[in-house]
């Protein structure tokens, strides 16, 4: 009798589950397009890219299974360009992320204070570059920074100063790219910081000021520690952005396919694009993409592990 009850219980649960599915059939019908499209256009390509990472394929013809050869290639002599792109991502991160994050916090504190009138207008003005087409902004910056005919160099020559090779030199290209990225993403980070500041009670800062703390001390000892989770979120996004720059590079350095002079601004995403659509090495590009994913995952984990801890 006990054995029969044990066998019957799972059967009854399955029948009840099926009755609930039939009862909610129209709800499942209406949400099914999302899952169908997800399987076709996201989950399916992910599985296909995993298979591509272990084969050699140029888009046409038979696929040749090569195992982990595409991955070992990246760490050998042939992966020099990818390693350079990773180094560029690190350099770009330290060139603009600390400055952009700090300026975003300062602007957010200023707009969050009661001394600023019409702060909505200033917030919209600073946020406007983020909603501007980055392709259009990149071409505009190129017109401003070109060595011959660029507006900045024309102004310098009018003052009797030599022109600067903004887009033609190694560090000039990196500085130009950082200027474009800061211009485009400063407003976005400022809005994130402003949202975080509005969750911090004003009474904490006011109490510190009454106790004799200066505004600078209150900023660094109260505002910054309480804002740390928001800062961490912004820095992690900026880290992924530093290694994943693409539109800005293609617009600013379209003559070099986004890699800049001497590969000064080549990023992993641009390198993946070049391998896949310039060299037609889809297997190698897929392997590069997964190594890039692992790199970003590790960096985000370490940032969250060591900078997101509570003291």
Protein backbone atom coordinates (compact mmCIF):
# COMPACT_ATOMS: atom_id res chain seq x y z
CA UNK A 1 0.00 0.00 0.00
CA UNK A 2 2.83 2.39 0.87
CA UNK A 3 4.66 1.54 -2.38
CA UNK A 4 1.52 2.23 -4.41
CA UNK A 5 1.06 5.62 -2.70
CA UNK A 6 4.71 6.48 -3.42
CA UNK A 7 4.24 5.75 -7.12
CA UNK A 8 0.93 7.59 -7.31
CA UNK A 9 2.20 10.83 -5.69
CA UNK A 10 4.56 11.88 -8.56
CA UNK A 11 1.83 11.01 -11.07
CA UNK A 12 -0.66 13.25 -9.30
CA UNK A 13 1.88 16.08 -9.18
CA UNK A 14 2.48 15.79 -12.92
CA UNK A 15 -1.25 15.84 -13.58
CA UNK A 16 -1.70 18.90 -11.37
CA UNK A 17 1.18 20.65 -13.13
CA UNK A 18 -0.34 19.85 -16.52
CA UNK A 19 -3.73 21.17 -15.36
CA UNK A 20 -2.09 24.43 -14.27
CA UNK A 21 -0.34 24.75 -17.64
CA UNK A 22 -3.60 24.15 -19.52
CA UNK A 23 -5.36 26.64 -17.28
CA UNK A 24 -2.72 29.31 -18.00
CA UNK A 25 -2.28 28.40 -21.66
CA UNK A 26 -3.15 31.88 -22.95
CA UNK A 27 -0.65 33.54 -20.64
CA UNK A 28 2.08 31.18 -21.85
CA UNK A 29 0.99 31.80 -25.44
CA UNK A 30 1.43 35.57 -25.11
CA UNK A 31 4.87 35.36 -23.46
CA UNK A 32 6.13 32.61 -25.75
CA UNK A 33 7.42 34.96 -28.52
CA UNK A 34 10.07 36.31 -26.15
CA UNK A 35 11.39 32.85 -25.30
CA UNK A 36 11.22 31.69 -28.91
CA UNK A 37 13.20 34.72 -30.10
CA UNK A 38 15.64 34.30 -27.21
CA UNK A 39 16.32 30.68 -28.17
CA UNK A 40 16.75 31.55 -31.85
CA UNK A 41 18.75 34.78 -31.68
CA UNK A 42 20.64 34.54 -28.36
CA UNK A 43 20.89 31.07 -26.88
CA UNK A 44 21.33 29.43 -30.29
CA UNK A 45 24.20 31.71 -31.38
CA UNK A 46 25.89 31.20 -28.00
CA UNK A 47 25.90 27.44 -28.49
CA UNK A 48 27.07 27.86 -32.10
CA UNK A 49 29.91 30.17 -31.05
CA UNK A 50 31.05 27.61 -28.47
CA UNK A 51 31.27 25.05 -31.27
CA UNK A 52 33.03 27.55 -33.53
CA UNK A 53 35.72 28.15 -30.92
CA UNK A 54 37.04 24.60 -31.39
CA UNK A 55 36.92 24.49 -35.20
CA UNK A 56 38.63 26.22 -38.09
CA UNK A 57 36.05 27.80 -40.41
CA UNK A 58 36.12 30.70 -42.85
CA UNK A 59 32.38 30.97 -43.34
CA UNK A 60 32.20 28.63 -46.33
CA UNK A 61 33.17 25.02 -46.76
CA UNK A 62 33.70 22.29 -44.22
CA UNK A 63 34.55 22.92 -40.58
CA UNK A 64 37.84 21.45 -39.39
CA UNK A 65 37.95 20.41 -35.75
CA UNK A 66 41.10 21.79 -34.09
CA UNK A 67 40.29 21.39 -30.39
CA UNK A 68 41.92 24.04 -28.19
CA UNK A 69 44.27 25.23 -30.93
CA UNK A 70 42.35 28.52 -31.34
CA UNK A 71 42.82 29.25 -27.64
CA UNK A 72 46.51 28.34 -27.48
CA UNK A 73 47.09 30.54 -30.55
CA UNK A 74 46.11 33.62 -28.52
CA UNK A 75 48.85 32.96 -25.98
CA UNK A 76 51.53 32.28 -28.58
CA UNK A 77 53.27 34.46 -31.14
CA UNK A 78 50.09 34.84 -33.19
CA UNK A 79 48.16 36.41 -30.30
CA UNK A 80 50.34 39.50 -30.06
CA UNK A 81 47.60 41.79 -31.39
CA UNK A 82 45.07 40.47 -28.86
CA UNK A 83 47.51 40.92 -25.99
CA UNK A 84 48.16 44.45 -27.21
CA UNK A 85 44.42 45.11 -27.21
CA UNK A 86 44.17 43.93 -23.60
CA UNK A 87 47.07 46.20 -22.63
CA UNK A 88 45.36 49.10 -24.40
CA UNK A 89 42.20 48.43 -22.41
CA UNK A 90 44.19 48.65 -19.16
CA UNK A 91 45.90 51.86 -20.27
CA UNK A 92 42.63 53.49 -21.33
CA UNK A 93 41.01 52.46 -18.05
CA UNK A 94 43.62 54.29 -15.97
CA UNK A 95 43.66 57.25 -18.34
CA UNK A 96 40.00 58.22 -18.15
CA UNK A 97 37.98 56.14 -15.65
CA UNK A 98 39.38 57.68 -12.39
CA UNK A 99 39.04 61.22 -13.75
CA UNK A 100 35.57 60.65 -15.20
CA UNK A 101 34.31 58.96 -12.03
CA UNK A 102 35.62 61.72 -9.77
CA UNK A 103 34.22 64.51 -11.94
CA UNK A 104 30.87 62.68 -12.13
CA UNK A 105 30.75 62.50 -8.31
CA UNK A 106 31.64 66.19 -7.94
CA UNK A 107 29.00 67.26 -10.46
CA UNK A 108 26.41 65.03 -8.79
CA UNK A 109 27.21 66.56 -5.36
CA UNK A 110 26.90 70.07 -6.77
CA UNK A 111 23.58 69.34 -8.48
CA UNK A 112 22.30 67.55 -5.38
CA UNK A 113 22.98 70.54 -3.15
CA UNK A 114 20.25 73.01 -2.33
CA UNK A 115 22.37 75.91 -3.56
CA UNK A 116 21.90 75.11 -7.25
CA UNK A 117 18.76 76.43 -8.91
CA UNK A 118 17.26 74.85 -12.03
CA UNK A 119 19.40 71.75 -11.50
CA UNK A 120 17.11 69.80 -13.86
CA UNK A 121 18.30 71.94 -16.75
CA UNK A 122 21.98 71.46 -15.90
CA UNK A 123 21.41 67.72 -15.46
CA UNK A 124 19.80 67.50 -18.89
CA UNK A 125 22.58 69.54 -20.46
CA UNK A 126 25.33 67.30 -19.03
CA UNK A 127 23.40 64.11 -19.85
CA UNK A 128 22.67 65.16 -23.46
CA UNK A 129 25.96 63.81 -24.97
CA UNK A 130 25.04 60.30 -23.79
CA UNK A 131 21.91 60.23 -25.98
CA UNK A 132 23.82 61.70 -28.93
CA UNK A 133 24.93 59.31 -31.67
CA UNK A 134 28.48 58.29 -30.84
CA UNK A 135 29.22 57.76 -34.52
CA UNK A 136 28.30 61.37 -35.27
CA UNK A 137 30.25 62.57 -32.23
CA UNK A 138 33.31 60.56 -33.32
CA UNK A 139 33.33 62.08 -36.79
CA UNK A 140 32.87 65.55 -35.25
CA UNK A 141 35.82 65.01 -32.92
CA UNK A 142 37.86 63.84 -35.89
CA UNK A 143 37.12 67.10 -37.72
CA UNK A 144 38.20 69.02 -34.62
CA UNK A 145 41.40 67.04 -33.97
CA UNK A 146 42.82 66.38 -37.44
CA UNK A 147 46.43 67.50 -37.75
CA UNK A 148 45.79 69.35 -40.98
CA UNK A 149 42.60 71.38 -41.06
CA UNK A 150 41.44 70.48 -37.55
CA UNK A 151 39.86 73.33 -35.63
CA UNK A 152 42.12 72.90 -32.59
CA UNK A 153 45.32 72.98 -34.64
CA UNK A 154 44.06 75.94 -36.65
CA UNK A 155 43.59 77.81 -33.35
CA UNK A 156 47.08 76.81 -32.22
CA UNK A 157 48.63 77.97 -35.51
CA UNK A 158 46.77 81.27 -35.18
CA UNK A 159 48.54 81.73 -31.84
CA UNK A 160 51.90 80.89 -33.41
CA UNK A 161 52.10 77.42 -31.88
CA UNK A 162 52.81 74.19 -33.77
CA UNK A 163 49.95 71.80 -34.43
CA UNK A 164 49.56 68.65 -32.35
CA UNK A 165 49.24 65.22 -34.03
CA UNK A 166 46.18 64.27 -32.01
CA UNK A 167 45.11 61.31 -34.15
CA UNK A 168 48.46 60.40 -35.70
CA UNK A 169 50.66 59.77 -32.63
CA UNK A 170 50.58 56.95 -30.09
CA UNK A 171 49.57 58.89 -26.99
CA UNK A 172 47.79 61.61 -28.92
CA UNK A 173 45.36 59.00 -30.25
CA UNK A 174 44.74 57.64 -26.75
CA UNK A 175 44.16 61.13 -25.32
CA UNK A 176 41.78 61.96 -28.17
CA UNK A 177 39.83 58.77 -27.57
CA UNK A 178 39.64 59.47 -23.82
CA UNK A 179 38.32 62.98 -24.50
CA UNK A 180 35.57 61.55 -26.69
CA UNK A 181 34.64 58.84 -24.17
CA UNK A 182 34.56 61.27 -21.24
CA UNK A 183 32.43 63.69 -23.26
CA UNK A 184 29.98 60.94 -24.16
CA UNK A 185 29.76 59.04 -20.85
CA UNK A 186 30.28 61.66 -18.14
CA UNK A 187 26.57 62.52 -18.01
CA UNK A 188 25.55 58.88 -17.68
CA UNK A 189 27.87 58.32 -14.72
CA UNK A 190 26.77 61.61 -13.16
CA UNK A 191 23.12 60.54 -13.24
CA UNK A 192 24.04 57.24 -11.55
CA UNK A 193 25.94 59.11 -8.83
CA UNK A 194 23.09 61.59 -8.43
CA UNK A 195 20.63 58.75 -7.92
CA UNK A 196 22.92 57.27 -5.27
CA UNK A 197 23.31 60.61 -3.49
CA UNK A 198 19.57 61.06 -3.25
CA UNK A 199 19.39 57.88 -1.13
CA UNK A 200 21.84 59.32 1.43
CA UNK A 201 20.07 61.29 4.22
CA UNK A 202 21.10 64.95 4.23
CA UNK A 203 21.05 64.88 8.04
CA UNK A 204 24.32 62.91 8.09
CA UNK A 205 26.25 65.58 6.21
CA UNK A 206 24.55 68.41 8.08
CA UNK A 207 25.40 66.81 11.43
CA UNK A 208 29.05 66.50 10.40
CA UNK A 209 29.15 70.18 9.38
CA UNK A 210 27.59 71.21 12.69
CA UNK A 211 30.21 69.16 14.56
CA UNK A 212 32.95 71.16 12.87
CA UNK A 213 33.81 69.12 9.78
CA UNK A 214 34.64 71.05 6.63
CA UNK A 215 32.68 70.40 3.41
CA UNK A 216 35.73 68.60 2.00
CA UNK A 217 36.00 66.35 5.05
CA UNK A 218 32.28 65.60 4.93
CA UNK A 219 32.62 64.74 1.24
CA UNK A 220 35.50 62.28 1.65
CA UNK A 221 34.50 60.76 5.02
CA UNK A 222 30.71 60.57 4.69
CA UNK A 223 29.56 60.95 1.10
CA UNK A 224 32.20 58.79 -0.59
CA UNK A 225 31.94 55.80 1.83
CA UNK A 226 28.15 55.78 1.66
CA UNK A 227 28.31 56.09 -2.12
CA UNK A 228 30.78 53.22 -2.50
CA UNK A 229 28.31 50.63 -3.91
CA UNK A 230 27.23 53.08 -6.61
CA UNK A 231 30.85 53.98 -7.38
CA UNK A 232 31.72 50.29 -7.65
CA UNK A 233 28.82 49.73 -10.06
CA UNK A 234 29.97 52.66 -12.20
CA UNK A 235 33.60 51.51 -12.21
CA UNK A 236 32.66 47.96 -13.23
CA UNK A 237 30.62 49.32 -16.14
CA UNK A 238 33.51 51.60 -17.10
CA UNK A 239 35.91 48.65 -16.95
CA UNK A 240 33.80 46.71 -19.42
CA UNK A 241 33.53 49.85 -21.52
CA UNK A 242 37.30 50.38 -21.61
CA UNK A 243 37.87 46.92 -23.08
CA UNK A 244 34.74 47.02 -25.26
CA UNK A 245 35.07 50.37 -27.06
CA UNK A 246 33.96 49.99 -30.66
CA UNK A 247 31.73 52.74 -32.10
CA UNK A 248 34.00 55.50 -30.84
CA UNK A 249 37.04 53.86 -32.43
CA UNK A 250 35.40 53.13 -35.75
CA UNK A 251 34.27 56.74 -36.07
CA UNK A 252 37.47 58.38 -34.82
CA UNK A 253 39.96 56.06 -36.53
CA UNK A 254 37.99 54.68 -39.47
CA UNK A 255 41.06 54.85 -41.74
CA UNK A 256 42.80 52.22 -39.59
CA UNK A 257 39.68 50.09 -38.94
CA UNK A 258 39.50 51.37 -35.36
CA UNK A 259 42.99 50.33 -34.25
CA UNK A 260 44.56 53.79 -34.40
CA UNK A 261 48.25 54.49 -35.14
CA UNK A 262 50.55 51.61 -34.17
CA UNK A 263 47.49 49.81 -32.71
CA UNK A 264 47.43 52.43 -29.96
CA UNK A 265 43.65 52.22 -29.49
CA UNK A 266 42.99 48.61 -30.50
CA UNK A 267 40.57 47.02 -28.02
CA UNK A 268 39.58 43.34 -27.66
CA UNK A 269 36.16 43.93 -29.26
CA UNK A 270 37.73 45.64 -32.28
CA UNK A 271 40.25 42.80 -32.53
CA UNK A 272 37.45 40.23 -32.49
CA UNK A 273 35.73 42.17 -35.27
CA UNK A 274 38.92 42.29 -37.34
CA UNK A 275 39.60 38.56 -36.96
CA UNK A 276 36.03 37.62 -37.82
CA UNK A 277 35.09 40.04 -40.61
CA UNK A 278 38.45 41.13 -42.03
CA UNK A 279 40.34 37.82 -41.83
CA UNK A 280 37.28 35.49 -41.91
CA UNK A 281 38.66 33.39 -39.05
CA UNK A 282 35.39 32.72 -37.28
CA UNK A 283 36.72 29.95 -35.05
CA UNK A 284 39.63 32.07 -33.87
CA UNK A 285 37.32 35.05 -33.34
CA UNK A 286 34.96 32.94 -31.20
CA UNK A 287 37.84 31.71 -29.07
CA UNK A 288 39.03 35.31 -28.66
CA UNK A 289 35.54 36.35 -27.59
CA UNK A 290 35.42 33.72 -24.86
CA UNK A 291 38.87 34.64 -23.57
CA UNK A 292 37.69 38.25 -23.50
CA UNK A 293 34.56 37.21 -21.59
CA UNK A 294 36.66 35.34 -19.03
CA UNK A 295 38.94 38.37 -18.62
CA UNK A 296 36.01 40.73 -17.98
CA UNK A 297 34.41 38.25 -15.58
CA UNK A 298 37.62 37.95 -13.55
CA UNK A 299 38.14 41.73 -13.44
CA UNK A 300 34.55 42.36 -12.34
CA UNK A 301 34.81 39.62 -9.70
CA UNK A 302 38.06 41.04 -8.30
CA UNK A 303 36.68 44.57 -8.22
CA UNK A 304 33.56 43.42 -6.41
CA UNK A 305 35.58 41.16 -4.10
CA UNK A 306 38.22 43.64 -2.97
CA UNK A 307 36.53 47.03 -3.44
CA UNK A 308 32.96 46.11 -2.62
CA UNK A 309 33.65 44.78 0.87
CA UNK A 310 32.26 46.48 3.94
CA UNK A 311 34.94 47.72 6.35
